[in-house]
Amino acid sequence: MKCPFCNCDDTQVIDTRLSEDKMLVKRRRKCVACDRRFNTFEKIELQLPTVVKTNGSRQEYDETRIRVSFMKALHKRPVATSLVDEAIERVRQRVLMHAEREINSRAIGDMVMEQLSKLDKVAYIRFASIYRSFQDVTDFTNIIQQVDIK
């Protein structure tokens, strides 16, 4: 590791600590040349698959977009934020476990719908109405019947 103060290539690790969640390593280092100390951090970097949109364009997986979808569907619904966070994490884990380098946005939408159906039926119907582009009342009737069956 190069020293940020004198650019010397020779540094020593003095101390190593794990974060509480054990996902981050903090190392205290000392430069052999100038004797100054500094911290470095290591974290796991996971490569999530690229999302292929319905129009064929590709973009990086963006958890913020998933969160916005959940929040719009759950607007004014009695669902704890911690439950929403857990559902978003489950979607992320499933995307991460996807065996290929690309994943269809429809597959992610289906994952979101699955999680919403477990959290709140009204939010599930709200999301489904936009995600599946409902055109008339019969589309709503069909999804409501599906929810009643589950």
C-alpha atoms as a PDB file:
ATOM      1  CA  MET A   1       0.000   0.000   0.000  1.00  0.00           C
ATOM      2  CA  LYS A   2       1.405   3.368  -0.983  1.00  0.00           C
ATOM      3  CA  CYS A   3       1.752   6.013   1.729  1.00  0.00           C
ATOM      4  CA  PRO A   4      -0.628   8.962   1.037  1.00  0.00           C
ATOM      5  CA  PHE A   5       1.877  11.400   2.610  1.00  0.00           C
ATOM      6  CA  CYS A   6       5.259  10.551   1.018  1.00  0.00           C
ATOM      7  CA  ASN A   7       4.242   8.039  -1.703  1.00  0.00           C
ATOM      8  CA  CYS A   8       6.595   5.385  -0.318  1.00  0.00           C
ATOM      9  CA  ASP A   9       5.597   1.871  -1.391  1.00  0.00           C
ATOM     10  CA  ASP A  10       6.590   0.283   1.921  1.00  0.00           C
ATOM     11  CA  THR A  11       3.978   0.364   4.705  1.00  0.00           C
ATOM     12  CA  GLN A  12       3.257  -1.925   7.635  1.00  0.00           C
ATOM     13  CA  VAL A  13      -0.064  -3.071   9.044  1.00  0.00           C
ATOM     14  CA  ILE A  14      -0.174  -2.185  12.745  1.00  0.00           C
ATOM     15  CA  ASP A  15      -3.732  -3.225  13.591  1.00  0.00           C
ATOM     16  CA  THR A  16      -6.643  -4.965  11.855  1.00  0.00           C
ATOM     17  CA  ARG A  17     -10.287  -4.791  12.962  1.00  0.00           C
ATOM     18  CA  LEU A  18     -13.592  -6.060  11.612  1.00  0.00           C
ATOM     19  CA  SER A  19     -16.728  -3.940  11.568  1.00  0.00           C
ATOM     20  CA  GLU A  20     -19.723  -5.089  13.617  1.00  0.00           C
ATOM     21  CA  ASP A  21     -21.393  -6.713  10.616  1.00  0.00           C
ATOM     22  CA  LYS A  22     -18.073  -8.314   9.608  1.00  0.00           C
ATOM     23  CA  MET A  23     -18.391  -6.902   6.085  1.00  0.00           C
ATOM     24  CA  LEU A  24     -15.603  -4.320   6.399  1.00  0.00           C
ATOM     25  CA  VAL A  25     -11.964  -4.614   7.478  1.00  0.00           C
ATOM     26  CA  LYS A  26     -10.198  -1.548   8.888  1.00  0.00           C
ATOM     27  CA  ARG A  27      -6.404  -1.619   8.833  1.00  0.00           C
ATOM     28  CA  ARG A  28      -4.183   0.844  10.687  1.00  0.00           C
ATOM     29  CA  ARG A  29      -0.975   1.309   8.707  1.00  0.00           C
ATOM     30  CA  LYS A  30       2.393   2.938   9.313  1.00  0.00           C
ATOM     31  CA  CYS A  31       4.751   4.216   6.640  1.00  0.00           C
ATOM     32  CA  VAL A  32       8.287   2.848   6.963  1.00  0.00           C
ATOM     33  CA  ALA A  33       9.831   5.978   5.397  1.00  0.00           C
ATOM     34  CA  CYS A  34       7.998   8.920   7.034  1.00  0.00           C
ATOM     35  CA  ASP A  35       6.604   7.080  10.091  1.00  0.00           C
ATOM     36  CA  ARG A  36       3.104   8.587   9.598  1.00  0.00           C
ATOM     37  CA  ARG A  37      -0.010   6.534  10.196  1.00  0.00           C
ATOM     38  CA  PHE A  38      -3.204   6.152   8.165  1.00  0.00           C
ATOM     39  CA  ASN A  39      -6.223   3.871   7.849  1.00  0.00           C
ATOM     40  CA  THR A  40      -7.320   1.727   4.950  1.00  0.00           C
ATOM     41  CA  PHE A  41     -10.609  -0.094   4.518  1.00  0.00           C
ATOM     42  CA  GLU A  42     -11.463  -3.288   2.673  1.00  0.00           C
ATOM     43  CA  LYS A  43     -14.957  -4.304   1.719  1.00  0.00           C
ATOM     44  CA  ILE A  44     -16.505  -6.983  -0.404  1.00  0.00           C
ATOM     45  CA  GLU A  45     -17.314  -5.810  -3.900  1.00  0.00           C
ATOM     46  CA  LEU A  46     -19.954  -7.915  -5.546  1.00  0.00           C
ATOM     47  CA  GLN A  47     -20.676  -7.783  -9.243  1.00  0.00           C
ATOM     48  CA  LEU A  48     -24.423  -7.648  -9.738  1.00  0.00           C
ATOM     49  CA  PRO A  49     -25.730  -8.630 -13.156  1.00  0.00           C
ATOM     50  CA  THR A  50     -26.534  -5.950 -15.725  1.00  0.00           C
ATOM     51  CA  VAL A  51     -30.259  -5.256 -16.064  1.00  0.00           C
ATOM     52  CA  VAL A  52     -31.669  -5.666 -19.569  1.00  0.00           C
ATOM     53  CA  LYS A  53     -34.667  -3.359 -20.007  1.00  0.00           C
ATOM     54  CA  THR A  54     -37.702  -4.235 -22.142  1.00  0.00           C
ATOM     55  CA  ASN A  55     -36.477  -1.867 -24.879  1.00  0.00           C
ATOM     56  CA  GLY A  56     -33.151  -3.758 -25.026  1.00  0.00           C
ATOM     57  CA  SER A  57     -31.043  -1.117 -23.280  1.00  0.00           C
ATOM     58  CA  ARG A  58     -28.736  -2.170 -20.465  1.00  0.00           C
ATOM     59  CA  GLN A  59     -27.973  -0.493 -17.169  1.00  0.00           C
ATOM     60  CA  GLU A  60     -26.449  -1.302 -13.800  1.00  0.00           C
ATOM     61  CA  TYR A  61     -28.648  -2.750 -11.071  1.00  0.00           C
ATOM     62  CA  ASP A  62     -29.846   0.195  -9.011  1.00  0.00           C
ATOM     63  CA  GLU A  63     -31.234  -0.558  -5.559  1.00  0.00           C
ATOM     64  CA  THR A  64     -32.589   2.987  -5.368  1.00  0.00           C
ATOM     65  CA  ARG A  65     -35.017   2.210  -8.185  1.00  0.00           C
ATOM     66  CA  ILE A  66     -36.216  -0.885  -6.321  1.00  0.00           C
ATOM     67  CA  ARG A  67     -36.694   1.163  -3.141  1.00  0.00           C
ATOM     68  CA  VAL A  68     -38.670   3.841  -5.023  1.00  0.00           C
ATOM     69  CA  SER A  69     -40.947   1.154  -6.466  1.00  0.00           C
ATOM     70  CA  PHE A  70     -41.579  -0.284  -3.017  1.00  0.00           C
ATOM     71  CA  MET A  71     -42.219   3.142  -1.498  1.00  0.00           C
ATOM     72  CA  LYS A  72     -44.664   4.180  -4.233  1.00  0.00           C
ATOM     73  CA  ALA A  73     -46.599   0.939  -3.910  1.00  0.00           C
ATOM     74  CA  LEU A  74     -46.580   1.141  -0.107  1.00  0.00           C
ATOM     75  CA  HIS A  75     -47.486   4.854   0.082  1.00  0.00           C
ATOM     76  CA  LYS A  76     -49.689   5.411   3.163  1.00  0.00           C
ATOM     77  CA  ARG A  77     -49.751   1.679   3.934  1.00  0.00           C
ATOM     78  CA  PRO A  78     -49.038   0.360   7.464  1.00  0.00           C
ATOM     79  CA  VAL A  79     -45.786  -1.482   6.707  1.00  0.00           C
ATOM     80  CA  ALA A  80     -42.663  -0.999   8.843  1.00  0.00           C
ATOM     81  CA  THR A  81     -39.567   0.365   7.123  1.00  0.00           C
ATOM     82  CA  SER A  82     -37.531  -2.525   8.505  1.00  0.00           C
ATOM     83  CA  LEU A  83     -39.792  -4.980   6.660  1.00  0.00           C
ATOM     84  CA  VAL A  84     -39.368  -3.012   3.439  1.00  0.00           C
ATOM     85  CA  ASP A  85     -35.573  -3.028   3.896  1.00  0.00           C
ATOM     86  CA  GLU A  86     -35.625  -6.802   4.395  1.00  0.00           C
ATOM     87  CA  ALA A  87     -37.754  -7.292   1.270  1.00  0.00           C
ATOM     88  CA  ILE A  88     -35.392  -5.119  -0.793  1.00  0.00           C
ATOM     89  CA  GLU A  89     -32.446  -7.127   0.527  1.00  0.00           C
ATOM     90  CA  ARG A  90     -34.184 -10.380  -0.482  1.00  0.00           C
ATOM     91  CA  VAL A  91     -34.625  -9.016  -4.018  1.00  0.00           C
ATOM     92  CA  ARG A  92     -30.952  -7.980  -4.079  1.00  0.00           C
ATOM     93  CA  GLN A  93     -29.850 -11.428  -2.891  1.00  0.00           C
ATOM     94  CA  ARG A  94     -31.916 -13.142  -5.574  1.00  0.00           C
ATOM     95  CA  VAL A  95     -30.469 -10.858  -8.250  1.00  0.00           C
ATOM     96  CA  LEU A  96     -26.992 -11.548  -6.887  1.00  0.00           C
ATOM     97  CA  MET A  97     -27.594 -15.303  -7.046  1.00  0.00           C
ATOM     98  CA  HIS A  98     -28.651 -15.043 -10.689  1.00  0.00           C
ATOM     99  CA  ALA A  99     -26.191 -17.279 -12.530  1.00  0.00           C
ATOM    100  CA  GLU A 100     -25.761 -15.095 -15.610  1.00  0.00           C
ATOM    101  CA  ARG A 101     -24.144 -11.701 -16.196  1.00  0.00           C
ATOM    102  CA  GLU A 102     -27.425 -10.151 -17.324  1.00  0.00           C
ATOM    103  CA  ILE A 103     -30.918 -10.267 -15.879  1.00  0.00           C
ATOM    104  CA  ASN A 104     -34.170  -9.218 -17.498  1.00  0.00           C
ATOM    105  CA  SER A 105     -35.962  -6.291 -15.835  1.00  0.00           C
ATOM    106  CA  ARG A 106     -39.149  -8.386 -15.959  1.00  0.00           C
ATOM    107  CA  ALA A 107     -37.537 -10.952 -13.666  1.00  0.00           C
ATOM    108  CA  ILE A 108     -36.698  -8.219 -11.166  1.00  0.00           C
ATOM    109  CA  GLY A 109     -40.236  -6.856 -11.413  1.00  0.00           C
ATOM    110  CA  ASP A 110     -41.572 -10.337 -10.655  1.00  0.00           C
ATOM    111  CA  MET A 111     -39.299 -10.528  -7.596  1.00  0.00           C
ATOM    112  CA  VAL A 112     -40.613  -7.171  -6.389  1.00  0.00           C
ATOM    113  CA  MET A 113     -44.207  -8.332  -6.907  1.00  0.00           C
ATOM    114  CA  GLU A 114     -43.525 -11.495  -4.937  1.00  0.00           C
ATOM    115  CA  GLN A 115     -42.132  -9.509  -2.003  1.00  0.00           C
ATOM    116  CA  LEU A 116     -44.982  -6.985  -2.113  1.00  0.00           C
ATOM    117  CA  SER A 117     -47.550  -9.771  -2.040  1.00  0.00           C
ATOM    118  CA  LYS A 118     -46.040 -10.916   1.257  1.00  0.00           C
ATOM    119  CA  LEU A 119     -45.954  -7.391   2.719  1.00  0.00           C
ATOM    120  CA  ASP A 120     -49.265  -5.838   1.710  1.00  0.00           C
ATOM    121  CA  LYS A 121     -51.986  -6.905  -0.733  1.00  0.00           C
ATOM    122  CA  VAL A 122     -53.002  -3.331  -1.619  1.00  0.00           C
ATOM    123  CA  ALA A 123     -49.390  -2.417  -2.436  1.00  0.00           C
ATOM    124  CA  TYR A 124     -49.128  -5.582  -4.526  1.00  0.00           C
ATOM    125  CA  ILE A 125     -52.183  -4.558  -6.562  1.00  0.00           C
ATOM    126  CA  ARG A 126     -50.897  -0.991  -6.949  1.00  0.00           C
ATOM    127  CA  PHE A 127     -47.547  -2.218  -8.239  1.00  0.00           C
ATOM    128  CA  ALA A 128     -49.171  -4.826 -10.503  1.00  0.00           C
ATOM    129  CA  SER A 129     -51.457  -2.226 -12.070  1.00  0.00           C
ATOM    130  CA  ILE A 130     -48.476  -0.203 -13.273  1.00  0.00           C
ATOM    131  CA  TYR A 131     -46.027  -3.051 -13.865  1.00  0.00           C
ATOM    132  CA  ARG A 132     -48.507  -5.022 -15.970  1.00  0.00           C
ATOM    133  CA  SER A 133     -50.071  -1.914 -17.567  1.00  0.00           C
ATOM    134  CA  PHE A 134     -53.675  -2.543 -16.568  1.00  0.00           C
ATOM    135  CA  GLN A 135     -56.047  -1.229 -19.219  1.00  0.00           C
ATOM    136  CA  ASP A 136     -59.468  -1.645 -17.623  1.00  0.00           C
ATOM    137  CA  VAL A 137     -61.396  -2.812 -14.565  1.00  0.00           C
ATOM    138  CA  THR A 138     -61.267  -6.490 -15.552  1.00  0.00           C
ATOM    139  CA  ASP A 139     -57.483  -6.445 -15.112  1.00  0.00           C
ATOM    140  CA  PHE A 140     -57.993  -5.218 -11.550  1.00  0.00           C
ATOM    141  CA  THR A 141     -60.704  -7.810 -10.935  1.00  0.00           C
ATOM    142  CA  ASN A 142     -58.428 -10.613 -12.113  1.00  0.00           C
ATOM    143  CA  ILE A 143     -55.527  -9.591  -9.871  1.00  0.00           C
ATOM    144  CA  ILE A 144     -57.838  -9.125  -6.883  1.00  0.00           C
ATOM    145  CA  GLN A 145     -59.179 -12.647  -7.414  1.00  0.00           C
ATOM    146  CA  GLN A 146     -55.594 -13.947  -7.522  1.00  0.00           C
ATOM    147  CA  VAL A 147     -54.835 -12.169  -4.235  1.00  0.00           C
ATOM    148  CA  ASP A 148     -57.961 -13.657  -2.624  1.00  0.00           C
ATOM    149  CA  ILE A 149     -56.861 -17.155  -3.685  1.00  0.00           C
ATOM    150  CA  LYS A 150     -53.407 -16.797  -2.120  1.00  0.00           C
END
